[in-house]
Amino acid sequence: VVWADSYKVGCAVQFCPNVAHFICNYGPGGNYPTWPYSRGATCSACPKDDKCLNNLC
């Protein structure tokens, strides 16, 4: 799960004969058991120089 405060990501893949396993680690770590997102108006937390497109920063 990607958390609202996550800004780092590291991913890897391991190929096996009949399957590929993908894993990603996000940082900082999650804040389980709370919500993975921050509540607020759409794009209200976008950095100053970012644009809001399709409700995403």
N, C-alpha and C. Protein backbone atom coordinates (compact mmCIF):
# COMPACT_ATOMS: atom_id res chain seq x y z
N VAL A 1 0.85 -1.18 0.00
CA VAL A 1 0.00 0.00 0.00
C VAL A 1 0.89 1.24 0.00
N VAL A 2 0.59 2.18 -0.84
CA VAL A 2 1.28 3.47 -0.85
C VAL A 2 0.55 4.38 0.13
N TRP A 3 1.28 4.97 1.06
CA TRP A 3 0.68 5.84 2.05
C TRP A 3 0.79 7.29 1.61
N ALA A 4 -0.05 8.14 2.18
CA ALA A 4 -0.10 9.56 1.80
C ALA A 4 1.24 10.24 1.95
N ASP A 5 2.04 9.86 2.94
CA ASP A 5 3.33 10.50 3.18
C ASP A 5 4.50 9.81 2.50
N SER A 6 4.24 8.75 1.75
CA SER A 6 5.33 8.03 1.07
C SER A 6 5.88 8.87 -0.07
N TYR A 7 7.21 8.95 -0.15
CA TYR A 7 7.85 9.67 -1.25
C TYR A 7 9.06 8.93 -1.79
N LYS A 8 9.37 7.78 -1.22
CA LYS A 8 10.47 6.96 -1.72
C LYS A 8 9.91 5.60 -2.10
N VAL A 9 10.49 4.98 -3.12
CA VAL A 9 10.04 3.65 -3.53
C VAL A 9 11.23 2.87 -4.07
N GLY A 10 11.28 1.61 -3.74
CA GLY A 10 12.28 0.70 -4.29
C GLY A 10 11.58 -0.57 -4.71
N CYS A 11 11.82 -1.03 -5.92
CA CYS A 11 11.13 -2.22 -6.44
C CYS A 11 12.13 -3.22 -6.98
N ALA A 12 11.71 -4.48 -7.01
CA ALA A 12 12.54 -5.54 -7.56
C ALA A 12 11.64 -6.57 -8.22
N VAL A 13 12.24 -7.37 -9.07
CA VAL A 13 11.52 -8.46 -9.73
C VAL A 13 12.40 -9.70 -9.71
N GLN A 14 11.78 -10.85 -9.48
CA GLN A 14 12.47 -12.13 -9.52
C GLN A 14 11.74 -13.01 -10.53
N PHE A 15 12.43 -13.38 -11.60
CA PHE A 15 11.83 -14.23 -12.62
C PHE A 15 12.10 -15.69 -12.31
N CYS A 16 11.05 -16.47 -12.28
CA CYS A 16 11.13 -17.91 -12.06
C CYS A 16 10.60 -18.59 -13.32
N PRO A 17 10.75 -19.91 -13.44
CA PRO A 17 10.35 -20.58 -14.69
C PRO A 17 8.92 -20.28 -15.15
N ASN A 18 7.96 -20.23 -14.25
CA ASN A 18 6.57 -20.05 -14.66
C ASN A 18 5.89 -18.83 -14.07
N VAL A 19 6.66 -17.96 -13.43
CA VAL A 19 6.06 -16.82 -12.75
C VAL A 19 7.12 -15.73 -12.53
N ALA A 20 6.66 -14.52 -12.39
CA ALA A 20 7.53 -13.40 -12.02
C ALA A 20 6.96 -12.78 -10.75
N HIS A 21 7.81 -12.56 -9.77
CA HIS A 21 7.41 -11.95 -8.51
C HIS A 21 7.89 -10.51 -8.47
N PHE A 22 6.98 -9.58 -8.24
CA PHE A 22 7.30 -8.16 -8.12
C PHE A 22 7.07 -7.73 -6.68
N ILE A 23 7.97 -6.93 -6.15
CA ILE A 23 7.83 -6.42 -4.78
C ILE A 23 8.32 -4.98 -4.74
N CYS A 24 7.61 -4.15 -4.01
CA CYS A 24 8.02 -2.76 -3.84
C CYS A 24 7.97 -2.40 -2.36
N ASN A 25 8.89 -1.56 -1.96
CA ASN A 25 8.95 -1.07 -0.59
C ASN A 25 8.83 0.45 -0.63
N TYR A 26 7.91 0.98 0.14
CA TYR A 26 7.64 2.42 0.14
C TYR A 26 8.11 3.05 1.45
N GLY A 27 8.57 4.28 1.38
CA GLY A 27 9.02 4.95 2.58
C GLY A 27 8.57 6.40 2.58
N PRO A 28 8.36 6.95 3.73
CA PRO A 28 8.45 6.27 5.02
C PRO A 28 7.34 5.23 5.15
N GLY A 29 7.51 4.38 6.14
CA GLY A 29 6.56 3.28 6.34
C GLY A 29 5.13 3.76 6.58
N GLY A 30 4.20 2.86 6.44
CA GLY A 30 2.79 3.18 6.58
C GLY A 30 2.39 3.53 8.00
N ASN A 31 1.19 4.02 8.12
CA ASN A 31 0.65 4.41 9.42
C ASN A 31 -0.55 3.55 9.77
N TYR A 32 -0.50 2.26 9.40
CA TYR A 32 -1.56 1.32 9.72
C TYR A 32 -1.82 1.38 11.21
N PRO A 33 -3.01 1.39 11.69
CA PRO A 33 -4.28 1.05 11.08
C PRO A 33 -5.10 2.25 10.63
N THR A 34 -4.50 3.38 10.34
CA THR A 34 -5.28 4.52 9.86
C THR A 34 -5.39 4.47 8.34
N TRP A 35 -5.97 5.50 7.75
CA TRP A 35 -6.20 5.54 6.32
C TRP A 35 -4.90 5.80 5.56
N PRO A 36 -4.74 5.24 4.35
CA PRO A 36 -3.52 5.44 3.56
C PRO A 36 -3.50 6.77 2.81
N TYR A 37 -4.51 7.59 2.99
CA TYR A 37 -4.58 8.86 2.28
C TYR A 37 -4.85 9.99 3.28
N SER A 38 -4.58 11.21 2.85
CA SER A 38 -4.89 12.39 3.66
C SER A 38 -6.21 12.97 3.18
N ARG A 39 -7.07 13.32 4.10
CA ARG A 39 -8.35 13.92 3.74
C ARG A 39 -8.17 15.38 3.42
N GLY A 40 -8.93 15.86 2.46
CA GLY A 40 -8.89 17.27 2.10
C GLY A 40 -9.42 17.48 0.70
N ALA A 41 -9.50 18.73 0.32
CA ALA A 41 -9.97 19.07 -1.02
C ALA A 41 -8.98 18.54 -2.06
N THR A 42 -9.49 18.15 -3.22
CA THR A 42 -8.65 17.64 -4.30
C THR A 42 -7.53 18.61 -4.61
N CYS A 43 -6.31 18.10 -4.67
CA CYS A 43 -5.10 18.85 -5.02
C CYS A 43 -4.73 19.94 -4.02
N SER A 44 -5.36 19.96 -2.85
CA SER A 44 -5.08 21.01 -1.87
C SER A 44 -3.69 20.90 -1.26
N ALA A 45 -3.06 19.72 -1.34
CA ALA A 45 -1.73 19.54 -0.76
C ALA A 45 -0.64 19.46 -1.83
N CYS A 46 -0.96 19.82 -3.07
CA CYS A 46 0.05 19.80 -4.14
C CYS A 46 1.14 20.82 -3.84
N PRO A 47 2.40 20.50 -4.13
CA PRO A 47 3.46 21.50 -3.99
C PRO A 47 3.15 22.74 -4.82
N LYS A 48 3.68 23.85 -4.41
CA LYS A 48 3.36 25.15 -5.02
C LYS A 48 3.54 25.18 -6.53
N ASP A 49 4.58 24.55 -7.05
CA ASP A 49 4.88 24.62 -8.49
C ASP A 49 4.21 23.51 -9.31
N ASP A 50 3.47 22.60 -8.65
CA ASP A 50 2.80 21.51 -9.37
C ASP A 50 1.46 21.97 -9.93
N LYS A 51 1.00 21.26 -10.96
CA LYS A 51 -0.32 21.50 -11.53
C LYS A 51 -1.24 20.37 -11.09
N CYS A 52 -2.52 20.63 -11.06
CA CYS A 52 -3.52 19.63 -10.75
C CYS A 52 -4.14 19.17 -12.07
N LEU A 53 -3.99 17.90 -12.39
CA LEU A 53 -4.53 17.33 -13.63
C LEU A 53 -5.27 16.05 -13.30
N ASN A 54 -6.52 15.98 -13.67
CA ASN A 54 -7.37 14.81 -13.37
C ASN A 54 -7.39 14.51 -11.88
N ASN A 55 -7.45 15.56 -11.07
CA ASN A 55 -7.50 15.45 -9.61
C ASN A 55 -6.25 14.86 -8.99
N LEU A 56 -5.12 14.94 -9.68
CA LEU A 56 -3.83 14.47 -9.15
C LEU A 56 -2.80 15.57 -9.32
N CYS A 57 -1.87 15.65 -8.37
CA CYS A 57 -0.79 16.64 -8.47
C CYS A 57 0.12 16.28 -9.62
